[in-house]
Protein backbone atom coordinates (compact mmCIF):
# COMPACT_ATOMS: atom_id res chain seq x y z
CA UNK A 1 65.49 129.01 79.74
CA UNK A 2 65.55 125.23 79.25
CA UNK A 3 63.55 124.71 82.45
CA UNK A 4 61.03 127.26 81.23
CA UNK A 5 60.83 125.57 77.84
CA UNK A 6 60.12 122.17 79.39
CA UNK A 7 57.47 123.78 81.58
CA UNK A 8 55.63 125.27 78.60
CA UNK A 9 56.09 122.55 75.97
CA UNK A 10 52.99 122.56 73.84
CA UNK A 11 50.93 119.67 72.63
CA UNK A 12 49.00 121.47 70.03
CA UNK A 13 45.63 119.98 69.26
CA UNK A 14 46.87 116.49 69.64
CA UNK A 15 47.66 115.05 72.91
CA UNK A 16 45.81 116.22 74.91
CA UNK A 17 43.33 118.63 73.42
CA UNK A 18 42.31 117.11 70.13
CA UNK A 19 40.45 119.35 67.73
CA UNK A 20 37.02 117.90 67.06
CA UNK A 21 37.43 114.98 69.47
CA UNK A 22 37.13 114.23 73.17
CA UNK A 23 40.54 114.92 74.70
CA UNK A 24 42.09 112.21 76.86
CA UNK A 25 43.87 114.62 79.23
CA UNK A 26 43.06 117.79 81.14
CA UNK A 27 46.30 119.46 80.02
CA UNK A 28 46.48 120.66 76.40
CA UNK A 29 50.29 120.65 76.64
CA UNK A 30 53.07 118.21 77.35
CA UNK A 31 54.20 119.42 80.78
CA UNK A 32 55.86 117.14 83.31
CA UNK A 33 55.03 117.72 87.01
CA UNK A 34 56.82 120.77 88.43
CA UNK A 35 57.90 122.08 91.82
CA UNK A 36 55.50 121.88 94.76
CA UNK A 37 53.17 124.86 94.98
CA UNK A 38 53.31 125.71 91.30
CA UNK A 39 50.07 126.87 89.66
CA UNK A 40 49.27 126.95 85.95
CA UNK A 41 46.31 128.52 84.15
CA UNK A 42 45.64 128.13 80.40
CA UNK A 43 42.97 129.81 78.29
CA UNK A 44 42.62 129.06 74.62
CA UNK A 45 40.68 128.40 71.46
CA UNK A 46 40.91 125.53 68.98
CA UNK A 47 39.16 124.68 65.75
CA UNK A 48 39.45 121.84 63.27
CA UNK A 49 38.63 124.22 60.40
CA UNK A 50 40.44 127.54 60.24
CA UNK A 51 37.60 128.90 58.10
CA UNK A 52 35.05 128.36 60.90
CA UNK A 53 36.68 130.14 63.83
CA UNK A 54 33.54 131.96 64.96
CA UNK A 55 31.05 129.10 64.61
CA UNK A 56 33.22 125.97 64.82
CA UNK A 57 35.67 126.59 67.67
CA UNK A 58 36.03 125.15 71.15
CA UNK A 59 37.26 127.37 73.97
CA UNK A 60 38.83 125.93 77.09
CA UNK A 61 40.02 126.88 80.55
CA UNK A 62 42.61 124.79 82.38
CA UNK A 63 43.83 125.01 85.97
CA UNK A 64 46.53 122.86 87.57
CA UNK A 65 48.38 122.72 90.88
CA UNK A 66 51.54 120.89 91.96
CA UNK A 67 50.67 119.23 95.26
CA UNK A 68 54.30 118.19 95.73
CA UNK A 69 57.36 117.74 93.51
CA UNK A 70 55.93 114.57 91.97
CA UNK A 71 52.14 114.99 91.94
CA UNK A 72 50.08 117.48 89.93
CA UNK A 73 46.28 117.73 89.86
CA UNK A 74 44.30 119.61 87.24
CA UNK A 75 40.96 120.22 85.57
CA UNK A 76 39.77 121.46 82.20
CA UNK A 77 36.45 122.96 81.18
CA UNK A 78 35.65 122.91 77.46
CA UNK A 79 33.03 125.34 76.19
CA UNK A 80 31.09 125.30 72.93
CA UNK A 81 30.02 128.95 72.98
CA UNK A 82 31.74 129.51 69.60
CA UNK A 83 30.67 126.16 68.13
CA UNK A 84 27.23 125.78 66.56
CA UNK A 85 27.30 122.01 66.98
CA UNK A 86 28.40 121.83 70.61
CA UNK A 87 26.75 122.52 73.96
CA UNK A 88 27.78 125.67 75.81
CA UNK A 89 29.33 123.42 78.48
CA UNK A 90 30.82 120.59 76.43
CA UNK A 91 32.90 118.61 78.90
CA UNK A 92 34.82 118.62 82.16
CA UNK A 93 37.98 116.57 82.65
CA UNK A 94 39.88 116.14 85.91
CA UNK A 95 43.10 114.26 86.40
CA UNK A 96 46.61 113.95 87.75
CA UNK A 97 50.22 113.38 86.73
CA UNK A 98 52.70 111.49 88.90
CA UNK A 99 56.39 111.99 88.17
CA UNK A 100 58.47 108.82 87.99
CA UNK A 101 61.70 110.69 87.21
CA UNK A 102 62.85 114.05 85.85
CA UNK A 103 61.86 112.92 82.35
CA UNK A 104 58.82 110.64 82.83
CA UNK A 105 55.39 110.51 84.46
CA UNK A 106 52.17 108.53 84.66
CA UNK A 107 48.83 110.20 83.88
CA UNK A 108 45.27 109.45 84.94
CA UNK A 109 42.17 111.36 83.81
CA UNK A 110 38.42 111.11 84.27
CA UNK A 111 35.75 112.88 82.23
CA UNK A 112 32.60 112.76 84.39
CA UNK A 113 30.63 115.13 82.15
CA UNK A 114 30.59 115.26 78.35
CA UNK A 115 28.20 115.34 75.41
CA UNK A 116 28.36 111.55 75.06
CA UNK A 117 26.75 111.41 78.53
CA UNK A 118 29.15 108.60 79.42
CA UNK A 119 32.10 108.57 81.80
CA UNK A 120 35.54 108.47 80.20
CA UNK A 121 38.73 107.20 81.86
CA UNK A 122 42.24 107.43 80.46
CA UNK A 123 45.69 106.30 81.56
CA UNK A 124 48.99 107.33 80.03
CA UNK A 125 52.77 107.42 80.16
CA UNK A 126 54.87 110.53 79.43
CA UNK A 127 58.57 110.40 78.57
CA UNK A 128 61.10 112.93 77.25
CA UNK A 129 64.05 111.57 75.28
CA UNK A 130 66.98 113.07 73.37
CA UNK A 131 67.48 112.74 69.62
CA UNK A 132 69.88 114.71 67.44
CA UNK A 133 70.54 117.21 70.22
CA UNK A 134 66.83 117.97 70.68
CA UNK A 135 64.29 117.02 73.30
CA UNK A 136 61.56 114.72 71.98
CA UNK A 137 58.42 114.45 74.08
CA UNK A 138 56.31 111.29 73.94
CA UNK A 139 52.91 110.58 75.47
CA UNK A 140 51.03 107.30 75.03
CA UNK A 141 47.41 107.37 76.24
CA UNK A 142 44.69 104.73 76.38
CA UNK A 143 41.08 105.90 76.67
CA UNK A 144 38.70 103.53 78.46
CA UNK A 145 34.92 103.40 78.87
CA UNK A 146 32.26 104.73 76.51
CA UNK A 147 33.02 108.38 77.26
CA UNK A 148 35.94 108.15 74.82
CA UNK A 149 35.15 105.32 72.41
CA UNK A 150 33.12 102.14 72.13
CA UNK A 151 36.43 100.26 72.19
CA UNK A 152 39.79 101.45 73.50
CA UNK A 153 40.91 104.86 72.26
CA UNK A 154 44.66 104.88 71.58
CA UNK A 155 46.73 108.07 71.17
CA UNK A 156 50.48 108.24 70.59
CA UNK A 157 51.89 111.78 70.72
CA UNK A 158 55.44 112.60 69.55
CA UNK A 159 56.86 116.12 69.77
CA UNK A 160 60.37 117.24 68.73
CA UNK A 161 61.33 120.53 70.42
CA UNK A 162 63.63 123.21 68.97
CA UNK A 163 64.77 126.19 71.07
CA UNK A 164 65.16 129.10 68.64
CA UNK A 165 66.14 131.83 71.11
CA UNK A 166 65.38 132.89 74.69
CA UNK A 167 61.81 133.88 73.78
CA UNK A 168 60.82 131.50 70.97
CA UNK A 169 60.54 127.71 70.97
CA UNK A 170 59.24 125.65 68.06
CA UNK A 171 57.45 122.29 68.13
CA UNK A 172 56.40 119.73 65.54
CA UNK A 173 53.55 117.76 67.10
CA UNK A 174 52.67 114.37 65.63
CA UNK A 175 49.56 112.50 66.79
CA UNK A 176 48.76 108.94 65.78
CA UNK A 177 45.28 107.97 66.99
CA UNK A 178 42.75 105.19 66.56
CA UNK A 179 40.48 102.92 68.58
CA UNK A 180 40.10 99.17 68.81
CA UNK A 181 36.45 99.19 67.69
CA UNK A 182 37.43 99.98 64.09
CA UNK A 183 41.22 100.17 64.09
CA UNK A 184 41.94 100.82 60.42
CA UNK A 185 38.88 102.98 59.74
CA UNK A 186 39.64 105.31 62.66
CA UNK A 187 43.42 105.42 62.26
CA UNK A 188 44.64 108.95 61.67
CA UNK A 189 47.94 110.82 61.65
CA UNK A 190 47.88 114.58 62.23
CA UNK A 191 50.71 117.10 62.17
CA UNK A 192 50.74 120.27 64.30
CA UNK A 193 53.62 122.75 63.90
CA UNK A 194 53.39 125.42 66.61
CA UNK A 195 55.44 128.06 68.40
CA UNK A 196 55.77 129.36 71.96
CA UNK A 197 56.52 133.04 72.43
CA UNK A 198 57.47 134.14 75.95
CA UNK A 199 55.83 137.51 76.55
CA UNK A 200 57.15 137.49 80.13
CA UNK A 201 58.91 134.95 82.33
CA UNK A 202 55.54 133.70 83.63
CA UNK A 203 53.39 134.27 80.53
CA UNK A 204 53.68 132.36 77.26
CA UNK A 205 51.61 132.63 74.09
CA UNK A 206 51.32 129.54 71.87
CA UNK A 207 49.90 129.40 68.35
CA UNK A 208 49.96 126.88 65.54
CA UNK A 209 48.08 125.00 62.86
CA UNK A 210 47.15 121.34 62.43
CA UNK A 211 46.74 119.24 59.30
CA UNK A 212 45.77 115.64 58.66
CA UNK A 213 48.43 113.73 56.75
CA UNK A 214 47.39 110.06 56.66
CA UNK A 215 44.59 107.61 57.43
CA UNK A 216 40.79 107.65 57.27
CA UNK A 217 40.62 109.15 60.76
CA UNK A 218 42.90 112.11 60.04
CA UNK A 219 41.79 115.71 60.48
CA UNK A 220 40.00 116.77 57.30
CA UNK A 221 40.68 120.53 57.27
CA UNK A 222 43.44 122.87 58.37
CA UNK A 223 42.98 123.61 62.07
CA UNK A 224 44.13 126.37 64.40
CA UNK A 225 44.93 126.55 68.12
CA UNK A 226 45.81 129.63 70.18
CA UNK A 227 46.53 129.58 73.91
CA UNK A 228 47.77 131.88 76.66
CA UNK A 229 49.67 130.08 79.44
CA UNK A 230 50.23 131.68 82.84
CA UNK A 231 52.28 130.25 85.71
CA UNK A 232 52.28 131.33 89.35
CA UNK A 233 53.73 130.16 92.63
CA UNK A 234 57.02 128.32 92.89
């Protein structure tokens, strides 16, 4: 069960899909590279305002493939079909993760198409540590080029993980984000409690809310994210 939990660890709204912002990573979840031949498919919905689900939500499709035991490649398509202020095809992000060890990896992502009409490039470092008997996932990402921010976009994601039983795992996602163009004005801290429920061994449902807790750049309303996660192959 622990291997399955690590495989499906969720980064709700923050790390990699950020509600109302250009995500720095193709994967909406903290998932280290898996066994060669593994395939993952995610489909979900996120909104920065739980009261605007039908006219203020982004939907997304994610596909990823483990080329070998260390290297994973993936892509994400974000759609604005349920968002009055977004294009139907909002952005496409492609990228890769390279495992350095069983608990760490490097990440690289490119967004060649987005509403900013500028290319975005991000690099990151993932690491899982232990604290108080729990796994704590960490992901530091730096967004480069104008596709993400006029300066450097900086995201630090921290996620304590609590296994409740063989079907349910809880997470408390913390995202600290800003950019170097206006560091203090854009600094925000968001909190995203969420839960995985394993419907089957290869199908997990994740749901949670997000709230802004500090800083001028924090999320302003209560958000929601719901995702179905399917794995195939090895």
